[in-house]
Amino acid sequence: MLETTTMNDNTRDNTRDSTHDNTHDNTIPAKFVIGASDDDFEEPEAKETVLATHVVPPDGGWGWVVVAASFMCNVVVDGIIFSCGMLLPRFREEFNVSNSEVSWVSSLLGGFYLIVGPFVSALANAYGFRTVCILGAVISSVAFGISSFATSIYFLQFTFGVMGGVGFGLIYVPAVIATGFYFEKRRALATGIAVCGSGIGTFIFAPLNNYLIATMNWRWTLIVYAGITLSCAIFGLAFRPLQPTTQSSDEDSEPPGTPLLMRIKKARDEQMRQCASALSMASMNSKSPSKTNMDDPLNDADMKLNGSAVARALLERHGGGGGGVHKRYSFPGIVVSGPEPIKEETEIPLIECEGRDGGGTDGAESHNTRVLDDNKNETLFKNMSNTDEHNNSRVSNVNTCPRNKSAPVLAQPHLLAAEQLRRPSRLALRTETARPFYREDIFYSGSLCRLPEYRSSESVDRYHQSVTHLPPMEDIAEEEDSGRCRCCPTALTNVITRIFDFSLLSSPTFVVLSVAGFMSLMALFVPFMFLPGYAAQQDVSKGSIATMVSTIGITNTIGRIVCGWVSDHPKVDALWVNNFSLILGGGATVLLPLVSDESLLMAYSVAFGLSVAAFASLRSILLVELLGLEKLTNAFGLLLLFQGIAGIFGSPVAGAFVDLTSNYSVSFYVFGGIFALSGIICTPLRCIKNWEDKKVKRLQESKNIELKA
């Protein structure tokens, strides 16, 4: 290690001497060209604008067609799920089974459409919203058609419950996510309209079920379900993929008429900002900065350098050896150029190596690299196999990535394996850029103005680039070079890996959220499944029972709109709205056994519908506020998995209580209490979050002290 350090020092000294001599002889200082391309270096007289590729949501136009299609998919999926409890008494009579056994039919349907959410997300990222939605429509339609020929309750549990749930999951995820992918400024409005289909569907299917069951038997009702569900294939055709657009970096320049001095000043300030950013980006992103970086004067935030000093410091820090060879290095949007002719071209973008903490030698094998470049989606990796042996022998023992795991690898091609330098084509990069689940905000359903990342971005393009993270370039290149369709493409495995990152369970904040979500989903389907049976015991007519279920649906729709409007107010805490709604719905369910009057049962339907609306519409907003946007995909996927498991077991357990007691009171007491308790345990979440942040900060400070010692 000592020998390696000595060689680095000698290399830096040689570079400093060489740079000084070149500057003295030619009297032309090294300069920075912001956003320069390869052609700028080879032919200075032909200036070329850097191009950035990313998906720009249309915020209208065909997007409203997508909203309408998503709305209809939610009408069908949630309408059937939340109203199929009206079929359970028919199933129980037909097969002569208990309430617990028949409850598995509806609980499997509701649970599996949530459980498959993470896997559907990966499929949608690899094959597109349209393909996945159409596939889901076909599977669920076939499942309901086969269910009409059921000969046992177990037959129904598999076909109606499992197969139908998987099909509904394949429809639901693309329908909800596609809306957010097509909208940005109006995302909250568009998503709100789309998810209102859930309440409208419950409102429509409740009387429809009542009519179909009365005029035809349950078997024909399932055939009608199959036909209606197949229509989602038509709606899925509207989810056409968005193509990435290529925009020049100077689109955000000053309008015509801006004074020359003002433009010069702005360009100089931007130049200095990017120079400083290139040097400090690695240490800012590092979780455990090394002592070397901390002692480096170039990383000192208090140090103010002028343009020429920064240029000279960059050359001293990252310059090559002597021999009169002037090398060329690339930083984020910055190219260091000099007057000497280019004898050797070496360009590797600033990347972040996330290897193991143990040592930097494993950094080259890391498969989780992020291109930290304003034009990261167009970054070109060049093959450096022809590097001269002198340079290879001189720095062959240098670590690929320092201990802080985030320092740049610059002008050292021999440190990376040959397979890691394979360069994907521009077409492949454009294809990967258009995949929706590479965006960190894809699950976010609220207004983007609430996101600190969006408010702090200089432009919309910069925001798009900051929240879009592609897989490692070598993986894309390897998949492209294979020239065949892989069973598990990178676009699929990358999302699966990100979602099933169980290290998030080390966060107390997420653990509390997960427990609350598990409890709330365990109790959520119980009123939908057993309210019709309880109302029938109270001698309520079948028409009134259908009206109660429809009331839950219509108040759910109104509640989503009101909740979205209230939670967008800067003085309203979305967490308190969520907690209040859960306690309200749980408390009303606990009091339900004390109610026998039809008007009071209708009032319960209103209260429970409003409660469900707030709980469903605030999930992603709370995850971002409490965990951060960078963890949204991971947290939302795991939460869907936990909630789906809870949804499977909730109704059968409630049905077992009904079988044991011959009434519905105990089930409503227990699961109403669980629903309210899920809101109560979320009350101290802000305090838990603050405590967790302080703990992480103290650990970071202690590590910094140890590194300085």
Foldseek 3Di string as FASTA:
>chain_A
DVVLVVLLVVFLVQLLVLQVVQCVVVVDFWAKDFQFDPCCFQPVVDGDFHKAKFFDFPQDDLLVLLLVLLLLLLLLLLLCLLQVLVCLVVQCVLAVDFLLLSLLLSLLLQLLLLQCQLLLLLVCLVPNLLVLQLVLLQQLLVLLLVCLVDDHSVSSSCSRRNSNNNSSSSNNNSSQLLSCSNRAQCLLVSNLSSNLSSLVSLLPNLVVVVVCVVVHNVSVVSNVSSVSSNCSSVSSVSSDFTFMDMDTPCPPPDDPPDDPVVNVVVVQVVVQVQLLCQLQVLVVPFLFDFLVSVPDPSNDPPDDDHRSVSLSVVSSNFNGHDPPAGEWEDEASITTHDDDDHPDYFYDYFKFFDDDLPFQQCSLVGFAIWGPHLNRLQDWQDQDPPDDPVRCVSNVPPGQAGNSRGGGRIRCNVSHDRLLRQTDDSVLSSSQSRRQVQFLCSPPRAHPVVAPLVVPDPDPSSSSSVRGTGTRRSLSRVVVVVVDDDPQHPSSVVSSVLQPPCVCVVQPLLVLVLLLLLLQLLLLSQCSNCVLVQLVVLVDDSVLSSVLSSLLSVLLSVLLVVLSVVCPDPVDDLLVVLLVLLLQLLVLLLCVVVDSDSVVSSVNSNSNSNSVNSNVNCVLVVCCVQPNSNSSSNSSSVSSSSSSVSSSPNSSVQSVVCVVVVHNNVSSNVSSVSSNVSSVSSVCSVVSSVVSVVVSVVVNVVSVVVSND
